[in-house]
PDB file of all heavy atoms in Angstrom:
ATOM      1  N   THR A   1      26.965  41.918  -0.145  1.00  0.00           N
ATOM      2  CA  THR A   1      25.973  42.114   0.919  1.00  0.00           C
ATOM      3  C   THR A   1      26.649  42.128   2.282  1.00  0.00           C
ATOM      4  O   THR A   1      25.991  41.922   3.308  1.00  0.00           O
ATOM      5  CB  THR A   1      24.919  40.989   0.891  1.00  0.00           C
ATOM      6  OG1 THR A   1      25.574  39.712   1.020  1.00  0.00           O
ATOM      7  CG2 THR A   1      24.133  41.017  -0.404  1.00  0.00           C
ATOM      8  N   ASP A   2      27.979  42.359   2.301  1.00  0.00           N
ATOM      9  CA  ASP A   2      28.686  42.325   3.581  1.00  0.00           C
ATOM     10  C   ASP A   2      28.581  43.643   4.345  1.00  0.00           C
ATOM     11  O   ASP A   2      29.103  43.770   5.458  1.00  0.00           O
ATOM     12  CB  ASP A   2      30.153  41.952   3.392  1.00  0.00           C
ATOM     13  CG  ASP A   2      30.893  42.880   2.431  1.00  0.00           C
ATOM     14  OD1 ASP A   2      30.363  43.975   2.154  1.00  0.00           O
ATOM     15  OD2 ASP A   2      31.981  42.511   1.967  1.00  0.00           O
ATOM     16  N   GLY A   3      27.933  44.640   3.749  1.00  0.00           N
ATOM     17  CA  GLY A   3      27.722  45.907   4.444  1.00  0.00           C
ATOM     18  C   GLY A   3      28.851  46.906   4.325  1.00  0.00           C
ATOM     19  O   GLY A   3      28.711  48.051   4.757  1.00  0.00           O
ATOM     20  N   LEU A   4      29.973  46.510   3.757  1.00  0.00           N
ATOM     21  CA  LEU A   4      31.106  47.419   3.628  1.00  0.00           C
ATOM     22  C   LEU A   4      30.838  48.416   2.507  1.00  0.00           C
ATOM     23  O   LEU A   4      30.507  48.038   1.388  1.00  0.00           O
ATOM     24  CB  LEU A   4      32.384  46.632   3.341  1.00  0.00           C
ATOM     25  CG  LEU A   4      33.668  47.446   3.221  1.00  0.00           C
ATOM     26  CD1 LEU A   4      33.982  48.140   4.541  1.00  0.00           C
ATOM     27  CD2 LEU A   4      34.842  46.552   2.807  1.00  0.00           C
ATOM     28  N   ARG A   5      30.984  49.704   2.825  1.00  0.00           N
ATOM     29  CA  ARG A   5      30.807  50.763   1.831  1.00  0.00           C
ATOM     30  C   ARG A   5      32.085  51.602   1.810  1.00  0.00           C
ATOM     31  O   ARG A   5      32.190  52.616   2.503  1.00  0.00           O
ATOM     32  CB  ARG A   5      29.584  51.632   2.164  1.00  0.00           C
ATOM     33  CG  ARG A   5      29.272  52.700   1.120  1.00  0.00           C
ATOM     34  CD  ARG A   5      28.035  53.496   1.533  1.00  0.00           C
ATOM     35  NE  ARG A   5      26.847  52.668   1.517  1.00  0.00           N
ATOM     36  CZ  ARG A   5      26.129  52.432   0.412  1.00  0.00           C
ATOM     37  NH1 ARG A   5      26.499  52.964  -0.743  1.00  0.00           N
ATOM     38  NH2 ARG A   5      25.067  51.678   0.464  1.00  0.00           N
ATOM     39  N   PRO A   6      33.084  51.211   1.018  1.00  0.00           N
ATOM     40  CA  PRO A   6      34.370  51.921   1.007  1.00  0.00           C
ATOM     41  C   PRO A   6      34.259  53.269   0.313  1.00  0.00           C
ATOM     42  O   PRO A   6      33.350  53.495  -0.495  1.00  0.00           O
ATOM     43  CB  PRO A   6      35.284  50.977   0.233  1.00  0.00           C
ATOM     44  CG  PRO A   6      34.353  50.253  -0.689  1.00  0.00           C
ATOM     45  CD  PRO A   6      33.074  50.083   0.071  1.00  0.00           C
ATOM     46  N   ASP A   7      35.162  54.166   0.617  1.00  0.00           N
ATOM     47  CA  ASP A   7      35.214  55.456  -0.044  1.00  0.00           C
ATOM     48  C   ASP A   7      35.952  55.340  -1.378  1.00  0.00           C
ATOM     49  O   ASP A   7      36.874  54.522  -1.509  1.00  0.00           O
ATOM     50  CB  ASP A   7      35.940  56.478   0.824  1.00  0.00           C
ATOM     51  CG  ASP A   7      35.185  56.798   2.100  1.00  0.00           C
ATOM     52  OD1 ASP A   7      33.940  56.818   2.043  1.00  0.00           O
ATOM     53  OD2 ASP A   7      35.837  57.009   3.140  1.00  0.00           O
ATOM     54  N   PRO A   8      35.577  56.138  -2.384  1.00  0.00           N
ATOM     55  CA  PRO A   8      36.369  56.162  -3.619  1.00  0.00           C
ATOM     56  C   PRO A   8      37.821  56.494  -3.303  1.00  0.00           C
ATOM     57  O   PRO A   8      38.121  57.343  -2.470  1.00  0.00           O
ATOM     58  CB  PRO A   8      35.700  57.275  -4.435  1.00  0.00           C
ATOM     59  CG  PRO A   8      34.291  57.309  -3.929  1.00  0.00           C
ATOM     60  CD  PRO A   8      34.391  57.016  -2.454  1.00  0.00           C
ATOM     61  N   GLY A   9      38.733  55.769  -3.945  1.00  0.00           N
ATOM     62  CA  GLY A   9      40.147  55.940  -3.672  1.00  0.00           C
ATOM     63  C   GLY A   9      40.698  54.896  -2.729  1.00  0.00           C
ATOM     64  O   GLY A   9      41.915  54.742  -2.610  1.00  0.00           O
ATOM     65  N   SER A  10      39.813  54.182  -2.029  1.00  0.00           N
ATOM     66  CA  SER A  10      40.262  53.122  -1.126  1.00  0.00           C
ATOM     67  C   SER A  10      40.871  51.975  -1.926  1.00  0.00           C
ATOM     68  O   SER A  10      40.634  51.825  -3.123  1.00  0.00           O
ATOM     69  CB  SER A  10      39.094  52.599  -0.285  1.00  0.00           C
ATOM     70  OG  SER A  10      38.497  53.622   0.470  1.00  0.00           O
ATOM     71  N   VAL A  11      41.648  51.167  -1.223  1.00  0.00           N
ATOM     72  CA  VAL A  11      42.250  49.976  -1.825  1.00  0.00           C
ATOM     73  C   VAL A  11      41.740  48.766  -1.061  1.00  0.00           C
ATOM     74  O   VAL A  11      41.722  48.759   0.172  1.00  0.00           O
ATOM     75  CB  VAL A  11      43.785  50.042  -1.767  1.00  0.00           C
ATOM     76  CG1 VAL A  11      44.399  48.774  -2.339  1.00  0.00           C
ATOM     77  CG2 VAL A  11      44.293  51.254  -2.537  1.00  0.00           C
ATOM     78  N   LEU A  12      41.325  47.740  -1.802  1.00  0.00           N
ATOM     79  CA  LEU A  12      40.753  46.568  -1.143  1.00  0.00           C
ATOM     80  C   LEU A  12      41.046  45.289  -1.906  1.00  0.00           C
ATOM     81  O   LEU A  12      41.429  45.317  -3.078  1.00  0.00           O
ATOM     82  CB  LEU A  12      39.244  46.745  -0.951  1.00  0.00           C
ATOM     83  CG  LEU A  12      38.391  47.163  -2.163  1.00  0.00           C
ATOM     84  CD1 LEU A  12      38.144  46.010  -3.123  1.00  0.00           C
ATOM     85  CD2 LEU A  12      37.061  47.750  -1.689  1.00  0.00           C
ATOM     86  N   ASP A  13      40.879  44.171  -1.204  1.00  0.00           N
ATOM     87  CA  ASP A  13      40.921  42.850  -1.828  1.00  0.00           C
ATOM     88  C   ASP A  13      39.491  42.390  -2.046  1.00  0.00           C
ATOM     89  O   ASP A  13      38.587  42.733  -1.271  1.00  0.00           O
ATOM     90  CB  ASP A  13      41.639  41.840  -0.936  1.00  0.00           C
ATOM     91  CG  ASP A  13      43.113  42.152  -0.764  1.00  0.00           C
ATOM     92  OD1 ASP A  13      43.642  42.956  -1.560  1.00  0.00           O
ATOM     93  OD2 ASP A  13      43.730  41.592   0.162  1.00  0.00           O
ATOM     94  N   ILE A  14      39.297  41.608  -3.096  1.00  0.00           N
ATOM     95  CA  ILE A  14      37.996  41.000  -3.354  1.00  0.00           C
ATOM     96  C   ILE A  14      38.135  39.500  -3.140  1.00  0.00           C
ATOM     97  O   ILE A  14      38.948  38.839  -3.798  1.00  0.00           O
ATOM     98  CB  ILE A  14      37.507  41.296  -4.778  1.00  0.00           C
ATOM     99  CG1 ILE A  14      37.420  42.810  -5.003  1.00  0.00           C
ATOM    100  CG2 ILE A  14      36.147  40.649  -5.026  1.00  0.00           C
ATOM    101  CD1 ILE A  14      37.029  43.193  -6.417  1.00  0.00           C
ATOM    102  N   LEU A  15      37.366  38.981  -2.196  1.00  0.00           N
ATOM    103  CA  LEU A  15      37.403  37.570  -1.869  1.00  0.00           C
ATOM    104  C   LEU A  15      36.147  36.884  -2.379  1.00  0.00           C
ATOM    105  O   LEU A  15      35.059  37.471  -2.363  1.00  0.00           O
ATOM    106  CB  LEU A  15      37.520  37.349  -0.353  1.00  0.00           C
ATOM    107  CG  LEU A  15      38.845  37.680   0.325  1.00  0.00           C
ATOM    108  CD1 LEU A  15      39.061  39.193   0.417  1.00  0.00           C
ATOM    109  CD2 LEU A  15      38.902  37.071   1.713  1.00  0.00           C
ATOM    110  N   ALA A  16      36.305  35.659  -2.820  1.00  0.00           N
ATOM    111  CA  ALA A  16      35.175  34.873  -3.303  1.00  0.00           C
ATOM    112  C   ALA A  16      35.092  33.590  -2.492  1.00  0.00           C
ATOM    113  O   ALA A  16      36.100  32.905  -2.287  1.00  0.00           O
ATOM    114  CB  ALA A  16      35.332  34.547  -4.781  1.00  0.00           C
ATOM    115  N   THR A  17      33.899  33.284  -2.020  1.00  0.00           N
ATOM    116  CA  THR A  17      33.647  32.019  -1.324  1.00  0.00           C
ATOM    117  C   THR A  17      32.774  31.157  -2.226  1.00  0.00           C
ATOM    118  O   THR A  17      31.630  31.515  -2.537  1.00  0.00           O
ATOM    119  CB  THR A  17      32.943  32.255   0.019  1.00  0.00           C
ATOM    120  OG1 THR A  17      33.784  33.064   0.849  1.00  0.00           O
ATOM    121  CG2 THR A  17      32.675  30.937   0.723  1.00  0.00           C
ATOM    122  N   LEU A  18      33.342  30.029  -2.662  1.00  0.00           N
ATOM    123  CA  LEU A  18      32.656  29.146  -3.581  1.00  0.00           C
ATOM    124  C   LEU A  18      32.009  27.986  -2.831  1.00  0.00           C
ATOM    125  O   LEU A  18      32.373  27.681  -1.690  1.00  0.00           O
ATOM    126  CB  LEU A  18      33.638  28.610  -4.625  1.00  0.00           C
ATOM    127  CG  LEU A  18      34.475  29.679  -5.357  1.00  0.00           C
ATOM    128  CD1 LEU A  18      35.449  29.013  -6.325  1.00  0.00           C
ATOM    129  CD2 LEU A  18      33.578  30.656  -6.082  1.00  0.00           C
ATOM    130  N   ASP A  19      31.067  27.369  -3.483  1.00  0.00           N
ATOM    131  CA  ASP A  19      30.416  26.199  -2.897  1.00  0.00           C
ATOM    132  C   ASP A  19      31.448  25.096  -2.722  1.00  0.00           C
ATOM    133  O   ASP A  19      32.170  24.751  -3.656  1.00  0.00           O
ATOM    134  CB  ASP A  19      29.287  25.730  -3.822  1.00  0.00           C
ATOM    135  CG  ASP A  19      28.384  24.705  -3.161  1.00  0.00           C
ATOM    136  OD1 ASP A  19      28.920  23.807  -2.468  1.00  0.00           O
ATOM    137  OD2 ASP A  19      27.158  24.792  -3.327  1.00  0.00           O
ATOM    138  N   ALA A  20      31.528  24.553  -1.519  1.00  0.00           N
ATOM    139  CA  ALA A  20      32.517  23.512  -1.228  1.00  0.00           C
ATOM    140  C   ALA A  20      32.356  22.306  -2.148  1.00  0.00           C
ATOM    141  O   ALA A  20      33.332  21.608  -2.449  1.00  0.00           O
ATOM    142  CB  ALA A  20      32.402  23.085   0.239  1.00  0.00           C
ATOM    143  N   ARG A  21      31.151  22.091  -2.631  1.00  0.00           N
ATOM    144  CA  ARG A  21      30.936  20.947  -3.534  1.00  0.00           C
ATOM    145  C   ARG A  21      31.570  21.182  -4.894  1.00  0.00           C
ATOM    146  O   ARG A  21      31.919  20.235  -5.598  1.00  0.00           O
ATOM    147  CB  ARG A  21      29.437  20.689  -3.699  1.00  0.00           C
ATOM    148  CG  ARG A  21      28.748  20.205  -2.418  1.00  0.00           C
ATOM    149  CD  ARG A  21      27.247  20.193  -2.568  1.00  0.00           C
ATOM    150  NE  ARG A  21      26.735  21.547  -2.805  1.00  0.00           N
ATOM    151  CZ  ARG A  21      25.441  21.838  -2.934  1.00  0.00           C
ATOM    152  NH1 ARG A  21      24.531  20.867  -2.855  1.00  0.00           N
ATOM    153  NH2 ARG A  21      25.042  23.064  -3.134  1.00  0.00           N
ATOM    154  N   ASP A  22      31.747  22.458  -5.259  1.00  0.00           N
ATOM    155  CA  ASP A  22      32.357  22.770  -6.542  1.00  0.00           C
ATOM    156  C   ASP A  22      33.875  22.665  -6.504  1.00  0.00           C
ATOM    157  O   ASP A  22      34.506  22.278  -7.490  1.00  0.00           O
ATOM    158  CB  ASP A  22      31.967  24.187  -6.991  1.00  0.00           C
ATOM    159  CG  ASP A  22      30.482  24.287  -7.318  1.00  0.00           C
ATOM    160  OD1 ASP A  22      29.875  23.236  -7.590  1.00  0.00           O
ATOM    161  OD2 ASP A  22      29.955  25.413  -7.289  1.00  0.00           O
ATOM    162  N   VAL A  23      34.481  23.027  -5.379  1.00  0.00           N
ATOM    163  CA  VAL A  23      35.941  23.077  -5.320  1.00  0.00           C
ATOM    164  C   VAL A  23      36.556  21.801  -4.779  1.00  0.00           C
ATOM    165  O   VAL A  23      37.752  21.558  -4.936  1.00  0.00           O
ATOM    166  CB  VAL A  23      36.397  24.267  -4.454  1.00  0.00           C
ATOM    167  CG1 VAL A  23      35.910  25.561  -5.046  1.00  0.00           C
ATOM    168  CG2 VAL A  23      35.897  24.136  -3.014  1.00  0.00           C
ATOM    169  N   GLY A  24      35.761  20.971  -4.114  1.00  0.00           N
ATOM    170  CA  GLY A  24      36.304  19.733  -3.566  1.00  0.00           C
ATOM    171  C   GLY A  24      36.851  19.932  -2.166  1.00  0.00           C
ATOM    172  O   GLY A  24      37.147  21.049  -1.745  1.00  0.00           O
ATOM    173  N   GLY A  25      37.034  18.848  -1.456  1.00  0.00           N
ATOM    174  CA  GLY A  25      37.445  18.920  -0.065  1.00  0.00           C
ATOM    175  C   GLY A  25      38.874  19.347   0.153  1.00  0.00           C
ATOM    176  O   GLY A  25      39.237  19.749   1.258  1.00  0.00           O
TER     177      GLY A  25
END
């Protein structure tokens, strides 16, 4: 839902933001 609409052929990283309670401080 970040609004980015890349073109086919583009190269990108996929980042994940997890709940801080799940990963610990």
